[in-house]
Amino acid sequence: MSRLAEGTRLRLADENVWSGLGDEVVILDLASSSYLGLDDVGAAVWGALAEPCTVGELEARLAAEYEVDPAELGRDLRSFLSDLVDRGLVVLDEEDSQAIP
């Protein structure tokens, strides 16, 4: 699992096929030929990643939108983003982006 720093800049991978369904998003992972469904919070993260942004920017956006403990938000967001990166659905935007090996 990738560990992501606050300054890690991420974006959606170019090869994604996805569609919004109400407040949710369905993604076709072409590499594994599997589908991934995202709830409203996951869909908000996915939509934000349409433009490159940092983990810290995403965290601030979600904290402003949802009532959640900041520590829990940080843990859950990094875990979710790491899973998306590991699946190849989200990629580091720049070579100098701050990923922790």
N, C-alpha and C. Protein backbone atom coordinates (compact mmCIF):
# COMPACT_ATOMS: atom_id res chain seq x y z
N MET A 1 0.84 -1.18 0.00
CA MET A 1 0.00 0.00 0.00
C MET A 1 0.89 1.24 0.00
N SER A 2 0.55 2.17 -0.86
CA SER A 2 1.28 3.43 -0.94
C SER A 2 0.97 4.29 0.27
N ARG A 3 1.98 4.98 0.78
CA ARG A 3 1.76 5.96 1.85
C ARG A 3 1.87 7.33 1.22
N LEU A 4 0.90 8.15 1.47
CA LEU A 4 0.81 9.44 0.80
C LEU A 4 0.97 10.58 1.78
N ALA A 5 1.83 11.52 1.42
CA ALA A 5 2.06 12.71 2.25
C ALA A 5 1.03 13.78 1.90
N GLU A 6 0.90 14.78 2.75
CA GLU A 6 -0.06 15.86 2.53
C GLU A 6 0.19 16.57 1.21
N GLY A 7 1.45 16.69 0.80
CA GLY A 7 1.79 17.40 -0.43
C GLY A 7 1.80 16.53 -1.67
N THR A 8 1.44 15.26 -1.56
CA THR A 8 1.40 14.38 -2.73
C THR A 8 0.31 14.86 -3.67
N ARG A 9 0.70 15.14 -4.91
CA ARG A 9 -0.26 15.62 -5.92
C ARG A 9 -0.72 14.42 -6.75
N LEU A 10 -2.04 14.25 -6.81
CA LEU A 10 -2.64 13.11 -7.50
C LEU A 10 -3.60 13.57 -8.59
N ARG A 11 -3.90 12.66 -9.50
CA ARG A 11 -4.91 12.90 -10.54
C ARG A 11 -5.46 11.55 -10.99
N LEU A 12 -6.58 11.59 -11.68
CA LEU A 12 -7.14 10.37 -12.24
C LEU A 12 -6.22 9.84 -13.34
N ALA A 13 -6.08 8.53 -13.42
CA ALA A 13 -5.31 7.92 -14.51
C ALA A 13 -6.06 8.16 -15.83
N ASP A 14 -5.32 8.29 -16.91
CA ASP A 14 -5.91 8.59 -18.21
C ASP A 14 -6.78 7.46 -18.76
N GLU A 15 -6.52 6.23 -18.34
CA GLU A 15 -7.17 5.07 -18.92
C GLU A 15 -8.50 4.72 -18.28
N ASN A 16 -9.00 5.53 -17.38
CA ASN A 16 -10.23 5.20 -16.66
C ASN A 16 -11.47 5.33 -17.54
N VAL A 17 -12.42 4.44 -17.29
CA VAL A 17 -13.76 4.55 -17.85
C VAL A 17 -14.69 4.61 -16.65
N TRP A 18 -15.47 5.69 -16.55
CA TRP A 18 -16.32 5.84 -15.38
C TRP A 18 -17.56 6.64 -15.72
N SER A 19 -18.55 6.52 -14.86
CA SER A 19 -19.80 7.23 -15.06
C SER A 19 -20.40 7.58 -13.71
N GLY A 20 -20.99 8.77 -13.63
CA GLY A 20 -21.72 9.17 -12.44
C GLY A 20 -23.13 8.62 -12.49
N LEU A 21 -23.58 8.09 -11.37
CA LEU A 21 -24.94 7.58 -11.25
C LEU A 21 -25.57 8.21 -10.01
N GLY A 22 -26.24 9.33 -10.18
CA GLY A 22 -26.76 10.06 -9.03
C GLY A 22 -25.59 10.62 -8.22
N ASP A 23 -25.55 10.28 -6.93
CA ASP A 23 -24.47 10.73 -6.06
C ASP A 23 -23.29 9.77 -6.06
N GLU A 24 -23.36 8.71 -6.85
CA GLU A 24 -22.32 7.67 -6.85
C GLU A 24 -21.57 7.67 -8.17
N VAL A 25 -20.45 6.95 -8.18
CA VAL A 25 -19.64 6.79 -9.39
C VAL A 25 -19.34 5.30 -9.55
N VAL A 26 -19.40 4.85 -10.81
CA VAL A 26 -19.01 3.48 -11.14
C VAL A 26 -17.81 3.58 -12.08
N ILE A 27 -16.75 2.83 -11.74
CA ILE A 27 -15.50 2.86 -12.50
C ILE A 27 -15.25 1.48 -13.08
N LEU A 28 -14.88 1.42 -14.35
CA LEU A 28 -14.43 0.18 -14.96
C LEU A 28 -12.92 0.19 -14.94
N ASP A 29 -12.35 -0.75 -14.20
CA ASP A 29 -10.89 -0.92 -14.14
C ASP A 29 -10.50 -1.78 -15.33
N LEU A 30 -9.99 -1.15 -16.39
CA LEU A 30 -9.66 -1.87 -17.62
C LEU A 30 -8.55 -2.90 -17.42
N ALA A 31 -7.65 -2.64 -16.49
CA ALA A 31 -6.54 -3.57 -16.25
C ALA A 31 -7.04 -4.90 -15.70
N SER A 32 -8.04 -4.85 -14.83
CA SER A 32 -8.53 -6.09 -14.22
C SER A 32 -9.92 -6.49 -14.71
N SER A 33 -10.50 -5.69 -15.61
CA SER A 33 -11.86 -5.93 -16.11
C SER A 33 -12.87 -6.04 -14.99
N SER A 34 -12.71 -5.22 -13.95
CA SER A 34 -13.64 -5.25 -12.84
C SER A 34 -14.22 -3.86 -12.63
N TYR A 35 -15.38 -3.84 -11.97
CA TYR A 35 -16.05 -2.59 -11.65
C TYR A 35 -15.80 -2.21 -10.20
N LEU A 36 -15.77 -0.93 -9.95
CA LEU A 36 -15.65 -0.40 -8.60
C LEU A 36 -16.73 0.65 -8.43
N GLY A 37 -17.54 0.51 -7.39
CA GLY A 37 -18.58 1.50 -7.11
C GLY A 37 -18.16 2.38 -5.95
N LEU A 38 -18.37 3.68 -6.08
CA LEU A 38 -18.03 4.64 -5.03
C LEU A 38 -19.30 5.29 -4.51
N ASP A 39 -19.40 5.41 -3.18
CA ASP A 39 -20.53 6.11 -2.56
C ASP A 39 -20.36 7.61 -2.76
N ASP A 40 -21.22 8.40 -2.12
CA ASP A 40 -21.19 9.84 -2.34
C ASP A 40 -19.88 10.50 -1.92
N VAL A 41 -19.27 10.03 -0.83
CA VAL A 41 -18.01 10.60 -0.38
C VAL A 41 -16.88 10.20 -1.34
N GLY A 42 -16.84 8.93 -1.72
CA GLY A 42 -15.85 8.46 -2.69
C GLY A 42 -16.02 9.18 -4.02
N ALA A 43 -17.27 9.42 -4.42
CA ALA A 43 -17.54 10.14 -5.66
C ALA A 43 -17.05 11.58 -5.58
N ALA A 44 -17.17 12.19 -4.39
CA ALA A 44 -16.67 13.56 -4.21
C ALA A 44 -15.15 13.61 -4.38
N VAL A 45 -14.46 12.60 -3.82
CA VAL A 45 -13.00 12.52 -3.98
C VAL A 45 -12.66 12.32 -5.45
N TRP A 46 -13.35 11.38 -6.09
CA TRP A 46 -13.10 11.07 -7.50
C TRP A 46 -13.28 12.32 -8.36
N GLY A 47 -14.37 13.04 -8.14
CA GLY A 47 -14.63 14.25 -8.91
C GLY A 47 -13.57 15.31 -8.70
N ALA A 48 -13.09 15.42 -7.46
CA ALA A 48 -12.05 16.41 -7.17
C ALA A 48 -10.75 16.08 -7.89
N LEU A 49 -10.51 14.79 -8.11
CA LEU A 49 -9.27 14.37 -8.76
C LEU A 49 -9.31 14.53 -10.28
N ALA A 50 -10.42 15.02 -10.81
CA ALA A 50 -10.48 15.30 -12.25
C ALA A 50 -9.44 16.37 -12.60
N GLU A 51 -9.14 17.24 -11.64
CA GLU A 51 -8.05 18.21 -11.75
C GLU A 51 -7.00 17.82 -10.72
N PRO A 52 -5.72 17.79 -11.08
CA PRO A 52 -4.70 17.40 -10.10
C PRO A 52 -4.80 18.23 -8.83
N CYS A 53 -4.69 17.57 -7.69
CA CYS A 53 -4.69 18.26 -6.41
C CYS A 53 -3.92 17.43 -5.39
N THR A 54 -3.57 18.05 -4.28
CA THR A 54 -2.79 17.36 -3.26
C THR A 54 -3.72 16.66 -2.27
N VAL A 55 -3.14 15.73 -1.53
CA VAL A 55 -3.87 15.04 -0.48
C VAL A 55 -4.39 16.07 0.53
N GLY A 56 -3.56 17.04 0.88
CA GLY A 56 -3.97 18.08 1.82
C GLY A 56 -5.13 18.91 1.31
N GLU A 57 -5.14 19.24 0.03
CA GLU A 57 -6.26 19.98 -0.56
C GLU A 57 -7.55 19.17 -0.51
N LEU A 58 -7.44 17.88 -0.83
CA LEU A 58 -8.61 17.00 -0.75
C LEU A 58 -9.15 16.92 0.67
N GLU A 59 -8.23 16.77 1.62
CA GLU A 59 -8.61 16.67 3.02
C GLU A 59 -9.34 17.93 3.48
N ALA A 60 -8.84 19.10 3.10
CA ALA A 60 -9.47 20.36 3.48
C ALA A 60 -10.86 20.49 2.85
N ARG A 61 -10.98 20.08 1.61
CA ARG A 61 -12.27 20.15 0.91
C ARG A 61 -13.31 19.25 1.59
N LEU A 62 -12.90 18.03 1.93
CA LEU A 62 -13.83 17.10 2.59
C LEU A 62 -14.18 17.56 4.00
N ALA A 63 -13.20 18.12 4.72
CA ALA A 63 -13.45 18.61 6.07
C ALA A 63 -14.46 19.75 6.06
N ALA A 64 -14.44 20.57 5.02
CA ALA A 64 -15.39 21.67 4.91
C ALA A 64 -16.79 21.18 4.54
N GLU A 65 -16.86 20.05 3.86
CA GLU A 65 -18.13 19.54 3.35
C GLU A 65 -18.83 18.57 4.30
N TYR A 66 -18.05 17.82 5.09
CA TYR A 66 -18.61 16.78 5.95
C TYR A 66 -18.21 17.01 7.41
N GLU A 67 -19.11 16.68 8.32
CA GLU A 67 -18.79 16.73 9.74
C GLU A 67 -18.12 15.42 10.11
N VAL A 68 -16.82 15.47 10.33
CA VAL A 68 -16.06 14.26 10.62
C VAL A 68 -14.84 14.63 11.46
N ASP A 69 -14.42 13.71 12.29
CA ASP A 69 -13.21 13.91 13.08
C ASP A 69 -12.02 14.06 12.13
N PRO A 70 -11.21 15.12 12.26
CA PRO A 70 -10.09 15.35 11.35
C PRO A 70 -9.11 14.18 11.28
N ALA A 71 -8.81 13.56 12.41
CA ALA A 71 -7.86 12.43 12.41
C ALA A 71 -8.44 11.25 11.63
N GLU A 72 -9.74 11.00 11.85
CA GLU A 72 -10.40 9.90 11.14
C GLU A 72 -10.46 10.18 9.64
N LEU A 73 -10.76 11.42 9.29
CA LEU A 73 -10.79 11.82 7.88
C LEU A 73 -9.44 11.58 7.23
N GLY A 74 -8.37 12.02 7.88
CA GLY A 74 -7.03 11.86 7.33
C GLY A 74 -6.68 10.39 7.10
N ARG A 75 -6.96 9.55 8.09
CA ARG A 75 -6.67 8.11 7.96
C ARG A 75 -7.48 7.48 6.84
N ASP A 76 -8.80 7.75 6.85
CA ASP A 76 -9.67 7.13 5.85
C ASP A 76 -9.35 7.61 4.45
N LEU A 77 -9.09 8.90 4.29
CA LEU A 77 -8.77 9.44 2.97
C LEU A 77 -7.49 8.85 2.43
N ARG A 78 -6.44 8.80 3.24
CA ARG A 78 -5.17 8.25 2.78
C ARG A 78 -5.29 6.76 2.45
N SER A 79 -6.06 6.03 3.22
CA SER A 79 -6.29 4.61 2.93
C SER A 79 -7.02 4.45 1.59
N PHE A 80 -8.06 5.23 1.38
CA PHE A 80 -8.82 5.17 0.14
C PHE A 80 -7.96 5.56 -1.06
N LEU A 81 -7.23 6.67 -0.95
CA LEU A 81 -6.37 7.11 -2.04
C LEU A 81 -5.27 6.10 -2.33
N SER A 82 -4.70 5.52 -1.29
CA SER A 82 -3.66 4.50 -1.49
C SER A 82 -4.21 3.30 -2.25
N ASP A 83 -5.44 2.91 -1.94
CA ASP A 83 -6.08 1.80 -2.65
C ASP A 83 -6.27 2.16 -4.13
N LEU A 84 -6.72 3.38 -4.40
CA LEU A 84 -6.89 3.80 -5.80
C LEU A 84 -5.56 3.85 -6.54
N VAL A 85 -4.51 4.32 -5.87
CA VAL A 85 -3.18 4.36 -6.48
C VAL A 85 -2.70 2.93 -6.74
N ASP A 86 -2.85 2.04 -5.77
CA ASP A 86 -2.41 0.66 -5.93
C ASP A 86 -3.14 -0.04 -7.07
N ARG A 87 -4.39 0.33 -7.31
CA ARG A 87 -5.17 -0.26 -8.41
C ARG A 87 -4.83 0.38 -9.76
N GLY A 88 -4.09 1.49 -9.73
CA GLY A 88 -3.74 2.19 -10.96
C GLY A 88 -4.83 3.11 -11.47
N LEU A 89 -5.84 3.38 -10.65
CA LEU A 89 -6.94 4.25 -11.05
C LEU A 89 -6.61 5.72 -10.83
N VAL A 90 -5.71 5.99 -9.90
CA VAL A 90 -5.23 7.33 -9.59
C VAL A 90 -3.71 7.27 -9.63
N VAL A 91 -3.09 8.31 -10.17
CA VAL A 91 -1.63 8.33 -10.32
C VAL A 91 -1.05 9.60 -9.73
N LEU A 92 0.25 9.56 -9.41
CA LEU A 92 0.97 10.76 -9.00
C LEU A 92 1.03 11.70 -10.19
N ASP A 93 0.78 12.96 -9.96
CA ASP A 93 0.72 13.93 -11.04
C ASP A 93 2.08 14.42 -11.49
N GLU A 94 3.04 14.48 -10.58
CA GLU A 94 4.36 15.02 -10.91
C GLU A 94 5.44 14.12 -10.34
N GLU A 95 6.58 14.12 -10.98
CA GLU A 95 7.71 13.30 -10.49
C GLU A 95 8.13 13.71 -9.09
N ASP A 96 8.03 15.00 -8.78
CA ASP A 96 8.47 15.48 -7.48
C ASP A 96 7.36 15.44 -6.43
N SER A 97 6.23 14.82 -6.80
CA SER A 97 5.14 14.68 -5.84
C SER A 97 5.64 13.87 -4.66
N GLN A 98 5.15 14.17 -3.47
CA GLN A 98 5.70 13.62 -2.24
C GLN A 98 5.02 12.32 -1.81
N ALA A 99 5.45 11.20 -2.35
CA ALA A 99 4.98 9.90 -1.87
C ALA A 99 6.03 9.36 -0.92
N ILE A 100 5.59 8.69 0.11
CA ILE A 100 6.52 8.10 1.07
C ILE A 100 6.61 6.62 0.74
N PRO A 101 7.80 6.11 0.40
CA PRO A 101 7.91 4.69 0.00
C PRO A 101 7.51 3.73 1.09
